[in-house]
């Protein structure tokens, strides 16, 4: 792949379609002049090959010759459509694991940039096929990748990958990313396109990206965290893609992000593949909270669950009194809340980390026969023998996980940074500088209220 470097061609249509069409500059110059008035052509009924009139009563039907440009176009299009299909080439192999350690505290956005920077070392062939594009506000996320792609960084050799630079509008951004995603099937170039957009632009990027993804385009869109407040972010960015077009991931920890990134690249440039969307966060999180398995089987199982949509971070056991569900950067507060509730209540607390709320919703729809697929993920995340009240926490719209009430019909309270409870408004304002999406006090209070309500009901 490095020797046969992919090339991105930008084409435009004009009157000159191909050398074989036999156009000459003089003819082109004549065509560039103003067309002859239609009345003048009709007034010359005896001109050869110009007018074919048939009298019908008092009138006549005048058939004008097709313009030269249209004639050449009609002869060119069939030749284009009759071309043999482009043979598909095998895409570069992408490893399943990053094979690296992450710092003790790192954000998923930083991990994303570091993984792309190290991709030429981790998977040289895959890195040579990567083509990136970013909005101006999201350029810093790709700083390491751009530095690694410079010829000087590789001792004068060919760059490790490519980057499409230019002041593209958000609509054009989605179209370019989608066009890069079909290079594998249209041109036989198994590219691995990655687009990085800020939250404001992402909402306008999606239509063009969806249009390409609804066909056979394969690409990755990463939504960067540029520091918008939760309400503005929720309004600008709708948070996901239709399940039939792309897999949406919201990883909480660096290893979760690495698995999603590599799996998303591995799904590109193939018939049985798919596009992917990854939502990044700039908040640094203690990676020890992930409690990664130490054995190989545990790693494989954790990776499979991360890609499927979520995993039970703390089992809780049959005696758990409440289940806390978190997505993305809220996991530190969710886990601290679980520790406080265990100490205060003297009972176990289950903690579920969702990496793809869309996949969980799809499993619930499949259970009810409203969508294709399996509902096995629901049994893994919310087993029937672990039923108890549930509190959900997200960095965004608190309604995002309200559908979980339909899994078993248990009582549920939903929390989100875009709509904190009224009593917590002052606390939220006081901790805004600390970038805490939802405070521990709010989660603890909500959980205790829900337990009291459930006890009173029954």
Protein backbone atom coordinates (compact mmCIF):
# COMPACT_ATOMS: atom_id res chain seq x y z
CA UNK A 1 0.00 0.00 0.00
CA UNK A 2 2.90 2.34 0.77
CA UNK A 3 4.41 1.79 -2.68
CA UNK A 4 1.09 2.20 -4.45
CA UNK A 5 -0.03 5.35 -2.74
CA UNK A 6 -3.70 6.23 -2.99
CA UNK A 7 -4.54 9.32 -4.96
CA UNK A 8 -7.60 11.48 -4.49
CA UNK A 9 -8.86 12.98 -7.71
CA UNK A 10 -11.16 16.00 -7.85
CA UNK A 11 -13.14 15.99 -11.10
CA UNK A 12 -15.46 18.48 -12.72
CA UNK A 13 -17.63 18.35 -15.80
CA UNK A 14 -17.22 20.56 -18.84
CA UNK A 15 -17.99 20.48 -22.51
CA UNK A 16 -14.72 18.70 -23.19
CA UNK A 17 -15.52 15.15 -22.20
CA UNK A 18 -12.67 13.13 -23.65
CA UNK A 19 -9.96 13.43 -26.32
CA UNK A 20 -11.65 10.64 -28.27
CA UNK A 21 -14.67 12.85 -28.81
CA UNK A 22 -12.77 14.68 -31.49
CA UNK A 23 -13.42 18.22 -30.28
CA UNK A 24 -11.29 20.97 -31.69
CA UNK A 25 -10.60 24.40 -30.18
CA UNK A 26 -12.36 26.20 -33.02
CA UNK A 27 -15.53 24.23 -32.49
CA UNK A 28 -15.33 24.90 -28.77
CA UNK A 29 -14.90 28.61 -29.45
CA UNK A 30 -17.95 28.61 -31.70
CA UNK A 31 -20.00 26.86 -29.05
CA UNK A 32 -18.95 29.41 -26.47
CA UNK A 33 -20.61 32.11 -28.56
CA UNK A 34 -24.27 33.01 -28.14
CA UNK A 35 -26.70 30.48 -29.62
CA UNK A 36 -28.58 31.36 -32.75
CA UNK A 37 -32.12 32.51 -32.05
CA UNK A 38 -34.69 29.78 -32.43
CA UNK A 39 -36.73 32.01 -34.75
CA UNK A 40 -33.83 32.21 -37.17
CA UNK A 41 -33.58 28.42 -37.31
CA UNK A 42 -37.33 28.03 -37.84
CA UNK A 43 -37.24 30.68 -40.57
CA UNK A 44 -34.91 28.51 -42.68
CA UNK A 45 -37.05 25.46 -43.40
CA UNK A 46 -34.96 24.40 -46.40
CA UNK A 47 -31.63 24.30 -44.55
CA UNK A 48 -30.16 20.79 -44.78
CA UNK A 49 -30.13 18.68 -41.61
CA UNK A 50 -31.62 21.57 -39.70
CA UNK A 51 -35.38 21.44 -39.88
CA UNK A 52 -37.76 18.57 -40.51
CA UNK A 53 -41.27 19.95 -40.91
CA UNK A 54 -44.47 18.03 -41.39
CA UNK A 55 -47.58 19.94 -42.21
CA UNK A 56 -50.68 19.24 -40.18
CA UNK A 57 -53.47 21.51 -41.20
CA UNK A 58 -52.40 25.09 -40.84
CA UNK A 59 -49.41 24.43 -38.60
CA UNK A 60 -46.15 22.58 -38.72
CA UNK A 61 -43.89 20.61 -36.35
CA UNK A 62 -40.32 21.80 -36.36
CA UNK A 63 -37.59 19.39 -35.14
CA UNK A 64 -34.39 21.15 -34.19
CA UNK A 65 -31.05 19.30 -34.23
CA UNK A 66 -29.53 18.48 -30.84
CA UNK A 67 -26.74 20.81 -29.71
CA UNK A 68 -23.25 19.53 -30.35
CA UNK A 69 -22.41 19.35 -26.65
CA UNK A 70 -25.52 17.26 -25.87
CA UNK A 71 -24.74 14.90 -28.76
CA UNK A 72 -21.24 14.29 -27.47
CA UNK A 73 -22.56 13.82 -23.93
CA UNK A 74 -25.03 11.15 -25.04
CA UNK A 75 -22.24 9.28 -26.78
CA UNK A 76 -19.91 9.60 -23.80
CA UNK A 77 -22.25 8.41 -21.03
CA UNK A 78 -22.92 4.92 -22.48
CA UNK A 79 -19.19 4.32 -22.84
CA UNK A 80 -18.75 5.34 -19.19
CA UNK A 81 -21.56 3.10 -17.96
CA UNK A 82 -20.36 0.12 -20.01
CA UNK A 83 -17.00 0.02 -18.29
CA UNK A 84 -16.15 -3.21 -16.50
CA UNK A 85 -16.62 -3.17 -12.69
CA UNK A 86 -13.58 -2.08 -10.73
CA UNK A 87 -11.98 -5.12 -9.03
CA UNK A 88 -12.09 -4.80 -5.25
CA UNK A 89 -8.78 -4.91 -3.43
CA UNK A 90 -8.26 -6.37 0.00
CA UNK A 91 -8.02 -3.61 2.63
CA UNK A 92 -5.04 -3.36 4.95
CA UNK A 93 -5.18 -5.44 8.11
CA UNK A 94 -5.98 -3.48 11.27
CA UNK A 95 -4.94 -4.97 14.65
CA UNK A 96 -7.58 -5.62 17.29
CA UNK A 97 -5.56 -4.19 20.19
CA UNK A 98 -3.41 -1.08 20.52
CA UNK A 99 -0.59 -2.95 22.30
CA UNK A 100 0.33 0.05 24.40
CA UNK A 101 -0.10 1.54 27.86
CA UNK A 102 -1.95 4.77 28.43
CA UNK A 103 -1.12 7.38 31.08
CA UNK A 104 -2.91 7.10 34.39
CA UNK A 105 -5.01 10.15 33.53
CA UNK A 106 -5.98 10.82 29.93
CA UNK A 107 -9.06 11.81 27.98
CA UNK A 108 -10.54 9.83 25.12
CA UNK A 109 -9.81 12.79 22.82
CA UNK A 110 -6.12 12.72 23.75
CA UNK A 111 -6.05 8.94 23.38
CA UNK A 112 -7.58 9.27 19.90
CA UNK A 113 -4.83 11.66 18.81
CA UNK A 114 -2.06 9.51 20.32
CA UNK A 115 -3.34 6.36 18.62
CA UNK A 116 -3.42 8.04 15.22
CA UNK A 117 0.08 9.40 15.81
CA UNK A 118 1.33 5.89 16.63
CA UNK A 119 -0.61 4.14 13.85
CA UNK A 120 2.35 4.12 11.39
CA UNK A 121 4.31 2.12 13.95
CA UNK A 122 1.40 -0.08 15.04
CA UNK A 123 0.01 -0.87 11.57
CA UNK A 124 2.12 0.66 8.73
CA UNK A 125 -0.06 -0.62 5.88
CA UNK A 126 -3.27 0.57 7.51
CA UNK A 127 -1.69 3.96 8.27
CA UNK A 128 -0.71 4.36 4.61
CA UNK A 129 -4.37 3.96 3.64
CA UNK A 130 -5.71 6.49 6.17
CA UNK A 131 -7.00 9.79 4.80
CA UNK A 132 -8.06 12.37 7.38
CA UNK A 133 -10.16 15.50 7.17
CA UNK A 134 -11.06 17.90 9.96
CA UNK A 135 -12.92 21.11 10.64
CA UNK A 136 -10.80 24.06 11.73
CA UNK A 137 -11.94 23.87 15.36
CA UNK A 138 -11.05 20.16 15.48
CA UNK A 139 -7.60 20.47 13.86
CA UNK A 140 -5.72 20.19 17.21
CA UNK A 141 -7.05 16.64 17.68
CA UNK A 142 -5.04 15.56 14.61
CA UNK A 143 -1.86 17.48 15.47
CA UNK A 144 0.14 14.32 16.20
CA UNK A 145 -1.09 12.56 13.07
CA UNK A 146 -0.25 15.52 10.87
CA UNK A 147 3.25 15.73 12.32
CA UNK A 148 3.78 12.00 11.73
CA UNK A 149 2.55 12.31 8.14
CA UNK A 150 5.15 14.93 7.18
CA UNK A 151 7.96 13.60 4.94
CA UNK A 152 10.55 15.02 7.34
CA UNK A 153 9.17 12.82 10.10
CA UNK A 154 9.88 9.72 8.03
CA UNK A 155 13.42 10.58 6.90
CA UNK A 156 12.25 11.91 3.56
CA UNK A 157 10.20 8.83 2.69
CA UNK A 158 6.56 8.90 1.65
CA UNK A 159 4.22 10.21 4.34
CA UNK A 160 2.46 7.65 6.52
CA UNK A 161 -0.99 8.87 5.48
CA UNK A 162 -2.89 11.70 3.91
CA UNK A 163 -4.85 14.73 5.10
CA UNK A 164 -7.34 16.72 3.06
CA UNK A 165 -6.74 20.38 3.87
CA UNK A 166 -8.93 23.29 2.92
CA UNK A 167 -11.58 25.66 4.17
CA UNK A 168 -14.53 23.36 3.60
CA UNK A 169 -18.00 24.21 4.76
CA UNK A 170 -19.71 21.73 7.04
CA UNK A 171 -21.95 20.49 4.22
CA UNK A 172 -18.95 20.04 1.91
CA UNK A 173 -17.06 18.29 4.72
CA UNK A 174 -19.73 15.58 4.92
CA UNK A 175 -19.76 15.19 1.16
CA UNK A 176 -15.97 14.88 0.89
CA UNK A 177 -15.85 12.34 3.72
CA UNK A 178 -18.60 10.34 2.03
CA UNK A 179 -16.79 10.52 -1.33
CA UNK A 180 -13.58 9.23 0.22
CA UNK A 181 -15.63 6.41 1.73
CA UNK A 182 -16.69 5.06 -1.68
CA UNK A 183 -13.18 5.01 -3.20
CA UNK A 184 -12.88 1.31 -2.31
CA UNK A 185 -15.86 0.33 -4.49
CA UNK A 186 -15.70 2.99 -7.24
CA UNK A 187 -11.96 3.23 -7.85
CA UNK A 188 -10.62 0.09 -6.22
CA UNK A 189 -8.71 2.12 -3.61
CA UNK A 190 -9.27 0.64 -0.11
CA UNK A 191 -8.88 3.94 1.73
CA UNK A 192 -9.59 4.32 5.44
CA UNK A 193 -11.16 7.80 5.74
CA UNK A 194 -11.42 9.51 9.14
CA UNK A 195 -13.22 12.81 9.64
CA UNK A 196 -12.93 14.84 12.84
CA UNK A 197 -15.58 17.52 13.36
CA UNK A 198 -16.36 19.83 16.25
CA UNK A 199 -19.79 19.57 17.91
CA UNK A 200 -21.22 22.66 16.20
CA UNK A 201 -20.20 21.49 12.72
CA UNK A 202 -21.14 17.86 13.35
CA UNK A 203 -24.86 18.50 13.14
CA UNK A 204 -24.39 20.04 9.66
CA UNK A 205 -21.88 17.39 8.57
CA UNK A 206 -24.27 14.51 9.21
CA UNK A 207 -26.69 14.94 6.25
CA UNK A 208 -23.98 14.61 3.60
CA UNK A 209 -22.29 11.82 5.52
CA UNK A 210 -25.58 9.95 5.98
CA UNK A 211 -26.36 10.26 2.27
CA UNK A 212 -23.11 8.52 1.36
CA UNK A 213 -23.37 5.99 4.20
CA UNK A 214 -26.83 4.90 3.11
CA UNK A 215 -25.17 3.43 0.01
CA UNK A 216 -21.79 1.69 0.25
CA UNK A 217 -19.57 4.42 1.69
CA UNK A 218 -17.36 3.31 4.59
CA UNK A 219 -15.77 5.97 6.77
CA UNK A 220 -15.33 7.12 10.37
CA UNK A 221 -16.58 10.36 11.87
CA UNK A 222 -15.19 11.48 15.23
CA UNK A 223 -16.92 14.33 17.07
CA UNK A 224 -14.39 16.36 19.04
CA UNK A 225 -15.02 18.06 22.37
CA UNK A 226 -14.24 21.76 21.95
CA UNK A 227 -15.53 22.94 25.32
CA UNK A 228 -19.12 23.92 24.60
CA UNK A 229 -21.48 24.05 27.54
CA UNK A 230 -23.82 21.02 27.75
CA UNK A 231 -26.94 22.88 26.61
CA UNK A 232 -25.29 24.35 23.50
CA UNK A 233 -23.70 21.01 22.67
CA UNK A 234 -27.02 19.21 22.97
CA UNK A 235 -28.68 21.72 20.64
CA UNK A 236 -25.88 21.68 18.05
CA UNK A 237 -25.16 17.98 18.04
CA UNK A 238 -27.90 15.36 18.05
CA UNK A 239 -25.59 12.66 19.35
CA UNK A 240 -25.78 9.74 16.98
CA UNK A 241 -26.50 8.14 13.64
CA UNK A 242 -29.17 5.72 12.45
CA UNK A 243 -28.15 2.17 13.27
CA UNK A 244 -28.41 1.12 9.63
CA UNK A 245 -25.83 3.70 8.55
CA UNK A 246 -23.17 3.69 11.26
CA UNK A 247 -22.21 2.25 14.62
CA UNK A 248 -22.07 4.96 17.28
CA UNK A 249 -19.67 4.64 20.22
CA UNK A 250 -19.21 6.86 23.28
CA UNK A 251 -16.18 5.33 25.03
CA UNK A 252 -15.43 6.24 28.63
CA UNK A 253 -11.83 5.00 28.95
CA UNK A 254 -8.75 5.02 26.75
CA UNK A 255 -8.72 1.29 26.06
CA UNK A 256 -12.41 1.41 25.17
CA UNK A 257 -11.58 4.19 22.70
CA UNK A 258 -8.68 2.20 21.22
CA UNK A 259 -10.87 -0.85 20.63
CA UNK A 260 -13.57 1.27 18.99
CA UNK A 261 -11.11 3.16 16.77
CA UNK A 262 -9.35 0.04 15.53
CA UNK A 263 -12.60 -1.87 15.05
CA UNK A 264 -14.07 1.05 13.12
CA UNK A 265 -11.07 1.15 10.78
CA UNK A 266 -11.28 -2.61 10.33
CA UNK A 267 -14.88 -2.32 9.12
CA UNK A 268 -14.01 0.01 6.25
CA UNK A 269 -13.33 -0.74 2.57
CA UNK A 270 -15.21 -4.05 2.58
CA UNK A 271 -18.59 -5.33 1.47
CA UNK A 272 -19.54 -6.62 4.92
CA UNK A 273 -18.28 -3.48 6.67
CA UNK A 274 -19.92 -0.35 8.03
CA UNK A 275 -19.21 3.24 8.93
CA UNK A 276 -18.68 4.31 12.53
CA UNK A 277 -19.13 7.40 14.67
CA UNK A 278 -17.10 8.03 17.83
CA UNK A 279 -17.91 10.77 20.30
CA UNK A 280 -14.79 12.09 22.03
CA UNK A 281 -14.41 13.91 25.34
CA UNK A 282 -11.63 16.26 26.47
CA UNK A 283 -12.12 15.48 30.18
CA UNK A 284 -9.24 13.51 31.67
CA UNK A 285 -10.34 10.36 33.50
CA UNK A 286 -8.44 8.09 35.90
CA UNK A 287 -7.86 4.98 33.81
CA UNK A 288 -7.63 2.75 36.87
CA UNK A 289 -11.38 3.08 37.24
CA UNK A 290 -11.80 0.88 34.15
CA UNK A 291 -10.61 -2.15 36.18
CA UNK A 292 -9.32 -3.90 33.08
CA UNK A 293 -9.17 -7.69 33.29
CA UNK A 294 -5.70 -9.12 33.79
CA UNK A 295 -6.20 -12.37 31.88
CA UNK A 296 -6.39 -12.77 28.11
CA UNK A 297 -9.90 -14.22 28.12
CA UNK A 298 -11.12 -11.32 30.23
CA UNK A 299 -9.57 -8.83 27.79
CA UNK A 300 -11.24 -10.48 24.82
CA UNK A 301 -14.59 -10.52 26.60
CA UNK A 302 -14.30 -6.87 27.66
CA UNK A 303 -13.40 -5.82 24.12
CA UNK A 304 -16.34 -7.73 22.66
CA UNK A 305 -18.74 -6.10 25.12
CA UNK A 306 -17.31 -2.60 24.51
CA UNK A 307 -17.90 -2.99 20.78
CA UNK A 308 -21.33 -4.54 21.34
CA UNK A 309 -22.59 -1.61 23.41
CA UNK A 310 -21.62 -1.87 27.10
CA UNK A 311 -20.50 -3.95 30.06
CA UNK A 312 -21.20 -4.39 33.76
CA UNK A 313 -18.32 -2.64 35.49
CA UNK A 314 -19.48 -3.68 38.99
CA UNK A 315 -21.62 -6.78 39.14
CA UNK A 316 -23.36 -6.03 42.42
CA UNK A 317 -24.79 -9.51 42.79
CA UNK A 318 -28.38 -10.62 43.50
CA UNK A 319 -28.53 -8.42 46.62
CA UNK A 320 -27.90 -5.13 44.75
CA UNK A 321 -30.44 -2.48 45.70
CA UNK A 322 -29.90 -0.12 42.77
CA UNK A 323 -28.22 -0.01 39.35
CA UNK A 324 -26.25 3.02 38.20
CA UNK A 325 -25.82 3.42 34.44
CA UNK A 326 -23.26 5.84 33.01
CA UNK A 327 -22.05 6.84 29.54
CA UNK A 328 -18.70 8.41 28.68
CA UNK A 329 -17.03 10.97 30.97
CA UNK A 330 -19.55 10.67 33.85
CA UNK A 331 -18.15 7.32 35.00
CA UNK A 332 -15.86 8.79 37.75
CA UNK A 333 -18.86 10.36 39.51
CA UNK A 334 -20.98 7.26 38.94
CA UNK A 335 -18.36 5.04 40.56
CA UNK A 336 -17.87 7.42 43.51
CA UNK A 337 -21.63 7.44 44.01
CA UNK A 338 -21.67 3.64 44.03
CA UNK A 339 -18.97 3.61 46.74
CA UNK A 340 -20.90 6.10 48.90
CA UNK A 341 -24.16 4.19 48.53
CA UNK A 342 -22.50 0.92 49.47
CA UNK A 343 -21.03 2.50 52.58
CA UNK A 344 -24.24 4.27 53.55
CA UNK A 345 -26.81 1.59 52.71
CA UNK A 346 -24.78 -1.49 53.51
CA UNK A 347 -25.92 -3.09 50.24
CA UNK A 348 -24.28 -3.77 46.93
CA UNK A 349 -24.69 -1.42 43.96
CA UNK A 350 -24.43 -2.48 40.31
CA UNK A 351 -22.65 -0.21 37.80
CA UNK A 352 -23.19 -0.50 34.05
CA UNK A 353 -20.97 1.34 31.56
CA UNK A 354 -22.67 1.87 28.21
CA UNK A 355 -20.46 2.46 25.18
CA UNK A 356 -23.27 2.59 22.60
CA UNK A 357 -26.73 3.64 23.79
CA UNK A 358 -27.95 3.22 20.22
CA UNK A 359 -26.97 -0.44 20.20
CA UNK A 360 -28.82 -1.03 23.49
CA UNK A 361 -31.92 0.68 22.10
CA UNK A 362 -31.64 -1.49 18.98
CA UNK A 363 -31.54 -4.61 21.17
CA UNK A 364 -34.71 -3.46 22.96
CA UNK A 365 -36.42 -2.88 19.62
CA UNK A 366 -35.32 -6.32 18.44
CA UNK A 367 -36.81 -7.91 21.56
CA UNK A 368 -40.17 -6.44 20.63
CA UNK A 369 -39.92 -7.38 16.96
CA UNK A 370 -39.56 -3.78 15.82
CA UNK A 371 -36.04 -4.18 14.40
CA UNK A 372 -33.76 -6.89 13.08
CA UNK A 373 -31.05 -8.25 15.31
CA UNK A 374 -30.60 -9.90 18.69
CA UNK A 375 -31.59 -8.83 22.18
CA UNK A 376 -28.75 -10.78 23.82
CA UNK A 377 -27.07 -7.53 24.87
CA UNK A 378 -29.98 -6.73 27.20
CA UNK A 379 -29.55 -10.02 29.05
CA UNK A 380 -25.84 -9.29 29.42
CA UNK A 381 -26.26 -5.76 30.76
CA UNK A 382 -29.53 -6.06 32.68
CA UNK A 383 -30.09 -9.72 33.66
CA UNK A 384 -33.57 -10.59 34.87
CA UNK A 385 -32.23 -11.82 38.23
CA UNK A 386 -30.64 -8.39 38.92
CA UNK A 387 -33.79 -6.29 38.66
CA UNK A 388 -33.82 -3.15 40.82
CA UNK A 389 -34.40 0.62 40.52
CA UNK A 390 -32.10 2.37 38.06
CA UNK A 391 -30.41 5.79 37.83
CA UNK A 392 -28.91 6.83 34.48
CA UNK A 393 -26.28 9.57 34.08
CA UNK A 394 -25.07 11.12 30.81
CA UNK A 395 -23.07 14.17 29.79
CA UNK A 396 -25.87 15.67 27.73
CA UNK A 397 -29.63 15.28 27.43
CA UNK A 398 -30.99 13.40 30.46
CA UNK A 399 -33.65 11.76 28.26
CA UNK A 400 -31.03 9.83 26.31
CA UNK A 401 -31.39 6.63 28.37
CA UNK A 402 -35.03 6.92 29.41
CA UNK A 403 -35.85 3.97 27.15
CA UNK A 404 -34.13 1.66 29.68
CA UNK A 405 -37.33 1.79 31.72
CA UNK A 406 -38.75 -0.59 29.12
CA UNK A 407 -36.17 -3.33 29.71
CA UNK A 408 -37.86 -4.76 32.83
CA UNK A 409 -40.30 -2.01 33.84
CA UNK A 410 -38.28 -1.03 36.93
CA UNK A 411 -38.39 2.50 38.44
CA UNK A 412 -35.91 4.84 36.78
CA UNK A 413 -34.52 8.35 37.26
CA UNK A 414 -32.52 10.03 34.48
CA UNK A 415 -29.79 12.66 34.95
CA UNK A 416 -27.84 14.71 32.43
CA UNK A 417 -25.56 17.72 32.34
CA UNK A 418 -27.82 19.55 29.86
CA UNK A 419 -30.72 19.60 32.33
CA UNK A 420 -29.60 19.34 35.99
CA UNK A 421 -32.31 19.13 38.68
CA UNK A 422 -33.47 22.59 39.91
CA UNK A 423 -32.13 22.00 43.41
CA UNK A 424 -28.70 21.27 41.97
CA UNK A 425 -28.45 24.40 39.81
CA UNK A 426 -26.27 26.26 42.31
CA UNK A 427 -23.99 23.27 42.79
CA UNK A 428 -23.68 22.83 39.03
CA UNK A 429 -22.70 26.49 38.60
CA UNK A 430 -20.15 26.22 41.40
CA UNK A 431 -18.48 23.18 39.81
CA UNK A 432 -18.62 24.41 36.21
CA UNK A 433 -14.95 25.33 36.32
CA UNK A 434 -14.13 21.76 37.39
CA UNK A 435 -15.92 20.40 34.30
CA UNK A 436 -17.98 17.91 36.32
CA UNK A 437 -20.95 16.91 34.14
CA UNK A 438 -23.15 15.71 37.04
CA UNK A 439 -21.98 15.95 40.67
CA UNK A 440 -21.83 13.05 43.09
CA UNK A 441 -24.23 14.81 45.46
CA UNK A 442 -26.87 15.04 42.75
CA UNK A 443 -26.53 11.36 41.82
CA UNK A 444 -26.59 10.23 45.48
CA UNK A 445 -29.64 12.34 46.26
CA UNK A 446 -31.47 11.10 43.17
CA UNK A 447 -30.68 7.48 44.01
CA UNK A 448 -31.89 7.80 47.60
CA UNK A 449 -35.10 9.51 46.48
CA UNK A 450 -35.74 6.75 43.97
CA UNK A 451 -35.18 4.04 46.60
CA UNK A 452 -37.58 5.77 49.00
CA UNK A 453 -40.18 6.05 46.26
CA UNK A 454 -39.79 2.38 45.32
CA UNK A 455 -40.05 1.31 48.99
CA UNK A 456 -43.21 3.38 49.48
CA UNK A 457 -44.78 1.88 46.37
CA UNK A 458 -44.20 -1.51 47.45
